[in-house]
Structure formats: C-alpha cells, structure tokens
Amino acid sequence: MKITLLSFFILSTVLATGQSSNKAIEHFQKANESVDRGEYDKAIPNYLKAIKADEAGYCGSSVKGKAHGDLGYAYFRSGDTTNAMVYFDRAIQLNKQNPFPRAIKADILLGQNKTKAALNELDQLILHNPTFIDGYVQRGYIHHAEKQFDQAAIDLRKALTLDSIQHILPPPRTKTILHKLSEMEAGKKR
C-alpha cells in the first residue's frame, strides 16, 4: 500500500510539473509572438504567467532566467525601465552566464547618465562572459566617450581579436571600431 501511494504521489507530481511546464512554454511562446509583432505591452502578461508556471524561467529554453530577461526587455521596450531593471536583475541572479540582461541593463543605465554603474555592469558581464564581444565594444565606446582612450583601445582591440575567431560583428561595426582605433592612434601622435 505504501509503495502504491508513493508511486501515485510521484506520478501526480511529475504530471503536475509537466502541465506547469507546458503552460510556461505556451505563455512564453505567446509572449514571444507579441514581441515579434512589436506588441510589448501584450507580451508582458504572458511572460508573467510563464514565470509563474516556471519560476526558474527556462520556459522551454535551455537558458535559466530566459523568461525574466525577455520580460525585462518587454518592459524596457514599453517604456517601463523600473520594472525592466527588476527583471534584468532577477535574470542575472538566476544566470550570470547570460550576457544579454546585463548588456541591456548597461544601455538603460547609460540612458540615465549613470556611466559608472553601466561600466560596472559591463565589467561583471565580461567577468562572467569573457568571450562576449559586445561587452567589450560597449565598454570601449563608453571609455571613448569618457576620453579614456587607452582603456577604450584595449577593449576595442579585444573585441576585434575575439571577432577574428567568432566572426559575428557585422562589417559596418568592424569598420566603425577600426575608425575609432585609428582616430585614437592619430590623437596620440599629435
């Protein structure tokens, strides 16, 4: 009798988890479809439902906290930076290896003229994702804007070095980086 009750309990737990997981995936997919159409306000409730069904935020993906980061993005695109930051922070807590919440969070901080906080986010991004090219590009651009040319050059060169292996930077971006590097080099010679 004990074995039968235990088996029933395990089976019912597995079925409930599966139903919860299916609901999370369903809501997550609906939210993503809304985002694809640019309907960020419509995506938000579905992301919230997905997270309620899957608190770890996988929602059918292989990325822990994915739903939290995507919800943060939907809030950001709908103009709600306060909630965007909350969900980016939660996504970062769940998965420090996912660079996208930190990268977007750094953009928001820059938009709020919080350069030091943005640089701190990018430092952490690079610490946990040392091969994420855009972290170096973004940080290099900030250093350049702050007239910290030596640091800017280090980051932009690192981005180009990584890109020589990964081949993900679009040619116009590579051209911009090379132009910034040559401007900085010319400025040193004067």
Protein backbone atom coordinates (compact mmCIF):
# COMPACT_ATOMS: atom_id res chain seq x y z
CA MET A 1 0.00 0.00 0.00
CA LYS A 2 2.84 2.41 0.87
CA ILE A 3 4.54 1.71 -2.44
CA THR A 4 1.29 2.35 -4.31
CA LEU A 5 0.73 5.67 -2.51
CA LEU A 6 4.34 6.71 -3.09
CA SER A 7 4.06 5.77 -6.77
CA PHE A 8 0.82 7.75 -7.05
CA PHE A 9 2.43 10.77 -5.37
CA ILE A 10 5.46 10.67 -7.67
CA LEU A 11 3.29 10.24 -10.76
CA SER A 12 0.97 13.09 -9.79
CA THR A 13 3.98 15.35 -9.07
CA VAL A 14 5.52 14.53 -12.46
CA LEU A 15 2.21 15.16 -14.23
CA ALA A 16 1.67 18.47 -12.41
CA THR A 17 5.22 19.56 -13.24
CA GLY A 18 4.68 18.61 -16.88
CA GLN A 19 1.42 20.56 -17.05
CA SER A 20 3.09 23.54 -15.37
CA SER A 21 5.98 23.29 -17.81
CA ASN A 22 3.63 23.08 -20.79
CA LYS A 23 1.74 26.15 -19.55
CA ALA A 24 5.03 28.01 -19.12
CA ILE A 25 6.09 27.16 -22.67
CA GLU A 26 2.68 28.12 -24.05
CA HIS A 27 2.67 31.51 -22.32
CA PHE A 28 6.33 32.10 -23.23
CA GLN A 29 5.62 31.40 -26.91
CA LYS A 30 2.61 33.75 -26.90
CA ALA A 31 4.75 36.46 -25.32
CA ASN A 32 7.49 35.98 -27.91
CA GLU A 33 4.94 36.22 -30.71
CA SER A 34 3.74 39.54 -29.27
CA VAL A 35 7.32 40.80 -29.09
CA ASP A 36 7.88 39.77 -32.71
CA ARG A 37 4.92 41.98 -33.65
CA GLY A 38 6.26 44.83 -31.51
CA GLU A 39 3.37 44.46 -29.03
CA TYR A 40 5.44 44.66 -25.88
CA ASP A 41 2.52 45.59 -23.60
CA LYS A 42 0.70 42.43 -24.73
CA ALA A 43 3.79 40.30 -24.16
CA ILE A 44 4.22 41.31 -20.51
CA PRO A 45 1.21 39.43 -19.03
CA ASN A 46 2.20 36.26 -20.88
CA TYR A 47 5.80 36.46 -19.66
CA LEU A 48 4.47 36.93 -16.11
CA LYS A 49 2.25 33.84 -16.50
CA ALA A 50 5.17 31.86 -17.92
CA ILE A 51 7.36 32.81 -14.95
CA LYS A 52 4.58 31.91 -12.54
CA ALA A 53 4.43 28.44 -14.11
CA ASP A 54 8.24 28.10 -14.30
CA GLU A 55 9.94 30.19 -11.60
CA ALA A 56 13.41 29.31 -12.91
CA GLY A 57 12.41 30.97 -16.18
CA TYR A 58 13.52 28.26 -18.59
CA CYS A 59 10.08 28.11 -20.24
CA GLY A 60 11.19 25.51 -22.76
CA SER A 61 14.56 27.08 -23.45
CA SER A 62 17.91 25.82 -22.21
CA VAL A 63 18.64 29.16 -20.51
CA LYS A 64 17.79 29.61 -16.85
CA GLY A 65 16.20 33.04 -16.33
CA LYS A 66 15.46 33.45 -20.05
CA ALA A 67 11.84 34.46 -19.42
CA HIS A 68 12.93 37.02 -16.82
CA GLY A 69 15.37 38.65 -19.22
CA ASP A 70 12.81 38.65 -22.03
CA LEU A 71 10.23 40.18 -19.67
CA GLY A 72 12.77 42.85 -18.74
CA TYR A 73 13.24 43.57 -22.43
CA ALA A 74 9.46 43.84 -22.97
CA TYR A 75 9.19 46.27 -20.07
CA PHE A 76 12.14 48.24 -21.45
CA ARG A 77 10.62 48.46 -24.93
CA SER A 78 7.27 49.51 -23.46
CA GLY A 79 9.00 52.37 -21.62
CA ASP A 80 8.95 50.95 -18.09
CA THR A 81 12.63 50.98 -17.14
CA THR A 82 11.89 50.44 -13.44
CA ASN A 83 10.30 47.03 -14.00
CA ALA A 84 12.82 46.29 -16.74
CA MET A 85 15.64 46.67 -14.22
CA VAL A 86 13.83 44.43 -11.70
CA TYR A 87 13.55 41.59 -14.20
CA PHE A 88 17.02 42.06 -15.64
CA ASP A 89 18.37 41.82 -12.08
CA ARG A 90 16.35 38.64 -11.49
CA ALA A 91 17.59 37.15 -14.77
CA ILE A 92 21.17 37.97 -13.74
CA GLN A 93 20.63 36.37 -10.32
CA LEU A 94 19.36 33.21 -11.96
CA ASN A 95 22.06 33.03 -14.62
CA LYS A 96 25.23 35.12 -14.58
CA GLN A 97 26.35 33.45 -17.81
CA ASN A 98 23.58 35.03 -19.92
CA PRO A 99 25.11 38.32 -21.10
CA PHE A 100 22.02 39.92 -22.62
CA PRO A 101 20.28 41.17 -19.45
CA ARG A 102 23.48 42.91 -18.33
CA ALA A 103 24.12 44.43 -21.77
CA ILE A 104 20.63 45.91 -21.97
CA LYS A 105 20.79 46.99 -18.33
CA ALA A 106 24.03 48.85 -19.14
CA ASP A 107 22.22 50.62 -22.01
CA ILE A 108 19.44 51.70 -19.66
CA LEU A 109 21.97 52.98 -17.13
CA LEU A 110 23.74 54.96 -19.85
CA GLY A 111 20.42 56.48 -20.87
CA GLN A 112 20.03 57.58 -17.25
CA ASN A 113 23.52 59.15 -17.30
CA LYS A 114 24.79 56.55 -14.83
CA THR A 115 28.05 55.88 -16.64
CA LYS A 116 29.87 54.38 -13.66
CA ALA A 117 27.02 51.94 -12.97
CA ALA A 118 26.90 51.00 -16.67
CA LEU A 119 30.65 50.32 -16.65
CA ASN A 120 30.24 48.18 -13.51
CA GLU A 121 27.57 46.10 -15.28
CA LEU A 122 29.84 45.64 -18.29
CA ASP A 123 32.77 44.70 -16.04
CA GLN A 124 30.60 41.99 -14.48
CA LEU A 125 29.34 40.90 -17.88
CA ILE A 126 32.91 40.45 -19.12
CA LEU A 127 33.96 38.73 -15.89
CA HIS A 128 31.28 36.07 -16.38
CA ASN A 129 31.38 36.06 -20.21
CA PRO A 130 34.95 36.86 -21.28
CA THR A 131 34.27 35.97 -24.92
CA PHE A 132 31.12 38.11 -25.34
CA ILE A 133 32.27 40.60 -27.95
CA ASP A 134 29.55 43.20 -27.50
CA GLY A 135 30.54 43.67 -23.85
CA TYR A 136 33.97 44.87 -24.95
CA VAL A 137 32.53 47.01 -27.75
CA GLN A 138 30.01 48.64 -25.45
CA ARG A 139 32.57 49.25 -22.72
CA GLY A 140 35.09 50.53 -25.28
CA TYR A 141 32.58 53.04 -26.61
CA ILE A 142 31.88 54.29 -23.09
CA HIS A 143 35.58 54.68 -22.36
CA HIS A 144 35.97 56.52 -25.67
CA ALA A 145 33.11 58.89 -24.81
CA GLU A 146 34.71 59.49 -21.41
CA LYS A 147 38.02 60.26 -23.18
CA GLN A 148 39.69 57.26 -21.54
CA PHE A 149 41.34 56.38 -24.81
CA ASP A 150 43.84 53.78 -23.55
CA GLN A 151 41.07 51.73 -21.94
CA ALA A 152 38.86 52.22 -25.00
CA ALA A 153 41.61 50.94 -27.29
CA ILE A 154 42.21 47.86 -25.11
CA ASP A 155 38.51 46.93 -25.19
CA LEU A 156 38.02 47.61 -28.88
CA ARG A 157 41.14 45.63 -29.82
CA LYS A 158 39.93 42.75 -27.63
CA ALA A 159 36.58 42.84 -29.46
CA LEU A 160 38.35 42.63 -32.83
CA THR A 161 40.58 39.80 -31.60
CA LEU A 162 37.55 37.82 -30.43
CA ASP A 163 35.76 38.59 -33.68
CA SER A 164 38.68 37.18 -35.68
CA ILE A 165 37.71 33.84 -34.09
CA GLN A 166 33.92 34.17 -33.80
CA HIS A 167 33.13 36.21 -36.95
CA ILE A 168 29.93 37.78 -35.58
CA LEU A 169 30.48 41.53 -35.88
CA PRO A 170 28.80 42.99 -38.95
CA PRO A 171 31.24 44.72 -41.33
CA PRO A 172 29.89 48.25 -40.65
CA ARG A 173 30.50 47.79 -36.93
CA THR A 174 34.01 46.47 -37.53
CA LYS A 175 34.66 49.48 -39.76
CA THR A 176 33.46 51.85 -37.01
CA ILE A 177 35.70 50.17 -34.45
CA LEU A 178 38.72 50.36 -36.76
CA HIS A 179 37.96 54.03 -37.43
CA LYS A 180 37.78 54.80 -33.68
CA LEU A 181 41.07 52.97 -33.11
CA SER A 182 42.80 54.89 -35.92
CA GLU A 183 41.44 58.22 -34.58
CA MET A 184 42.79 57.39 -31.12
CA GLU A 185 46.14 56.36 -32.56
CA ALA A 186 46.34 59.59 -34.60
CA GLY A 187 45.46 61.58 -31.49
CA LYS A 188 48.40 60.04 -29.61
CA LYS A 189 50.83 61.07 -32.36
CA ARG A 190 49.89 64.75 -32.17
